[in-house]
Amino acid sequence: MTTHQLRRTATVAASPAEVWGLVGGFGTLGDWHPHVPPAAIEDGADPETPGAVRVFAIDGKVVARERLLGKGETAYTYTVIDPMLPITDYVATLAVRPHADGAEILWTADYAGADEVVPQVEAIFGDGTYGTGLAALQEKFGAA
């Protein structure tokens, strides 16, 4: 298996603090992302403490589980548990940093998989999840 990187970015006309205030909660992805259902945190864990697992379900069926690996002042890193694609070692980071025009939002991931799975990962995670979420943030805050 080969290691691959997935990367999407967007720049918005808002302060990093304002953007992080919206996107910075590990348990709140579904609150701002238009295509992600609300998340539940397993076992009553603190959603901001590494080790917490967020669970996304549609009509009572679990569709994804992700574990928080680390959290900083303007970034958090997580892993996908049992990904739906034939990939392993999927570790993603959602980060906000200052930009001359406001804030830059970076959503990146490293994962291992056969070269043939890259187009699926790009379409499902890169475009479907990351791209859609970043577009929604640009709509909310204004593209810079």
Protein backbone atom coordinates (compact mmCIF):
# COMPACT_ATOMS: atom_id res chain seq x y z
CA MET A 1 0.00 0.00 0.00
CA THR A 2 1.11 3.51 -0.79
CA THR A 3 0.71 6.56 1.44
CA HIS A 4 -1.39 9.31 -0.11
CA GLN A 5 -2.36 12.83 0.93
CA LEU A 6 -5.71 14.52 0.57
CA ARG A 7 -5.80 18.31 0.83
CA ARG A 8 -8.49 20.97 0.50
CA THR A 9 -8.26 24.61 1.55
CA ALA A 10 -10.47 27.67 1.53
CA THR A 11 -9.94 31.27 2.49
CA VAL A 12 -12.74 33.23 4.12
CA ALA A 13 -13.28 36.88 5.02
CA ALA A 14 -13.45 36.35 8.78
CA SER A 15 -10.98 36.23 11.63
CA PRO A 16 -9.41 32.89 12.50
CA ALA A 17 -10.98 33.14 15.96
CA GLU A 18 -14.46 33.59 14.48
CA VAL A 19 -14.01 30.63 12.13
CA TRP A 20 -12.51 28.41 14.83
CA GLY A 21 -15.41 29.34 17.09
CA LEU A 22 -17.69 27.62 14.59
CA VAL A 23 -15.57 24.70 13.35
CA GLY A 24 -13.34 23.98 16.34
CA GLY A 25 -15.58 21.62 18.27
CA PHE A 26 -14.86 17.97 17.54
CA GLY A 27 -18.45 17.08 18.37
CA THR A 28 -20.01 19.89 16.32
CA LEU A 29 -19.12 19.05 12.70
CA GLY A 30 -22.76 18.28 11.90
CA ASP A 31 -23.81 21.69 13.24
CA TRP A 32 -22.13 23.59 10.41
CA HIS A 33 -21.51 21.06 7.63
CA PRO A 34 -24.52 20.77 5.31
CA HIS A 35 -24.04 17.07 4.44
CA VAL A 36 -22.95 15.65 7.78
CA PRO A 37 -25.53 14.50 10.34
CA PRO A 38 -25.18 15.60 13.96
CA ALA A 39 -22.60 13.59 15.86
CA ALA A 40 -23.03 11.74 19.12
CA ILE A 41 -20.03 11.25 21.39
CA GLU A 42 -19.62 7.67 22.59
CA ASP A 43 -19.68 6.76 26.28
CA GLY A 44 -20.39 10.33 27.42
CA ALA A 45 -16.76 11.29 26.78
CA ASP A 46 -15.62 14.90 26.67
CA PRO A 47 -15.67 15.65 22.92
CA GLU A 48 -12.60 17.88 23.23
CA THR A 49 -10.37 15.31 24.92
CA PRO A 50 -8.17 13.04 22.79
CA GLY A 51 -9.65 9.57 22.64
CA ALA A 52 -13.25 10.79 22.26
CA VAL A 53 -15.16 9.03 19.48
CA ARG A 54 -17.79 10.86 17.45
CA VAL A 55 -20.43 8.77 15.76
CA PHE A 56 -22.52 9.82 12.76
CA ALA A 57 -25.77 7.96 12.18
CA ILE A 58 -28.52 8.26 9.58
CA ASP A 59 -31.92 6.82 10.47
CA GLY A 60 -30.34 5.04 13.44
CA LYS A 61 -27.64 3.34 11.34
CA VAL A 62 -24.04 4.25 12.14
CA VAL A 63 -22.35 5.50 8.98
CA ALA A 64 -19.02 6.69 10.43
CA ARG A 65 -16.96 6.71 13.61
CA GLU A 66 -13.95 8.98 14.18
CA ARG A 67 -11.54 9.22 17.11
CA LEU A 68 -9.99 12.51 18.23
CA LEU A 69 -6.21 12.11 18.32
CA GLY A 70 -5.19 15.61 19.36
CA LYS A 71 -6.46 19.14 19.68
CA GLY A 72 -4.62 22.45 19.64
CA GLU A 73 -5.72 26.07 19.77
CA THR A 74 -6.80 26.15 16.11
CA ALA A 75 -6.57 22.56 14.86
CA TYR A 76 -7.68 19.08 15.68
CA THR A 77 -6.54 15.72 14.33
CA TYR A 78 -8.64 12.60 14.11
CA THR A 79 -8.70 9.14 12.60
CA VAL A 80 -11.50 7.32 10.83
CA ILE A 81 -12.38 4.04 12.54
CA ASP A 82 -13.32 1.27 10.10
CA PRO A 83 -13.39 3.41 6.94
CA MET A 84 -15.92 2.44 4.27
CA LEU A 85 -13.16 2.29 1.64
CA PRO A 86 -10.21 -0.13 1.41
CA ILE A 87 -7.78 2.26 3.13
CA THR A 88 -5.86 2.22 6.41
CA ASP A 89 -4.12 4.69 8.67
CA TYR A 90 -6.47 7.55 7.72
CA VAL A 91 -5.44 10.54 9.84
CA ALA A 92 -7.04 13.91 9.12
CA THR A 93 -6.58 17.44 10.42
CA LEU A 94 -8.96 20.37 10.33
CA ALA A 95 -7.08 23.61 10.97
CA VAL A 96 -7.65 27.36 10.79
CA ARG A 97 -4.80 29.81 10.41
CA PRO A 98 -4.41 33.53 9.75
CA HIS A 99 -4.43 34.74 6.16
CA ALA A 100 -3.92 38.24 4.76
CA ASP A 101 -7.58 38.27 3.70
CA GLY A 102 -9.04 36.70 6.85
CA ALA A 103 -8.63 33.03 7.67
CA GLU A 104 -7.46 29.98 5.78
CA ILE A 105 -9.16 26.68 6.58
CA LEU A 106 -7.13 23.56 5.80
CA TRP A 107 -8.60 20.08 5.80
CA THR A 108 -6.00 17.44 5.10
CA ALA A 109 -5.52 13.71 5.51
CA ASP A 110 -2.85 11.09 5.05
CA TYR A 111 -3.90 7.51 4.40
CA ALA A 112 -2.57 4.25 3.00
CA GLY A 113 -4.22 2.49 0.10
CA ALA A 114 -3.77 1.17 -3.39
CA ASP A 115 -3.39 3.79 -6.11
CA GLU A 116 -6.72 2.64 -7.57
CA VAL A 117 -8.65 3.85 -4.48
CA VAL A 118 -7.35 7.44 -4.68
CA PRO A 119 -10.13 8.66 -7.03
CA GLN A 120 -12.76 7.30 -4.61
CA VAL A 121 -11.12 8.95 -1.60
CA GLU A 122 -10.82 12.22 -3.52
CA ALA A 123 -14.50 12.09 -4.51
CA ILE A 124 -16.00 10.92 -1.21
CA PHE A 125 -13.80 12.59 1.40
CA GLY A 126 -12.10 15.33 -0.63
CA ASP A 127 -15.00 16.66 -2.66
CA GLY A 128 -18.03 15.28 -0.82
CA THR A 129 -16.98 16.01 2.75
CA TYR A 130 -14.07 18.47 2.76
CA GLY A 131 -15.01 20.45 -0.35
CA THR A 132 -18.70 20.72 0.56
CA GLY A 133 -17.87 21.81 4.10
CA LEU A 134 -15.36 24.41 2.98
CA ALA A 135 -17.80 25.79 0.40
CA ALA A 136 -20.41 26.15 3.14
CA LEU A 137 -17.91 28.10 5.26
CA GLN A 138 -17.14 30.39 2.34
CA GLU A 139 -20.85 30.96 1.89
CA LYS A 140 -21.30 31.75 5.59
CA PHE A 141 -18.26 33.99 6.08
CA GLY A 142 -17.70 35.18 2.51
CA ALA A 143 -14.91 33.99 0.24
CA ALA A 144 -11.73 36.00 0.53
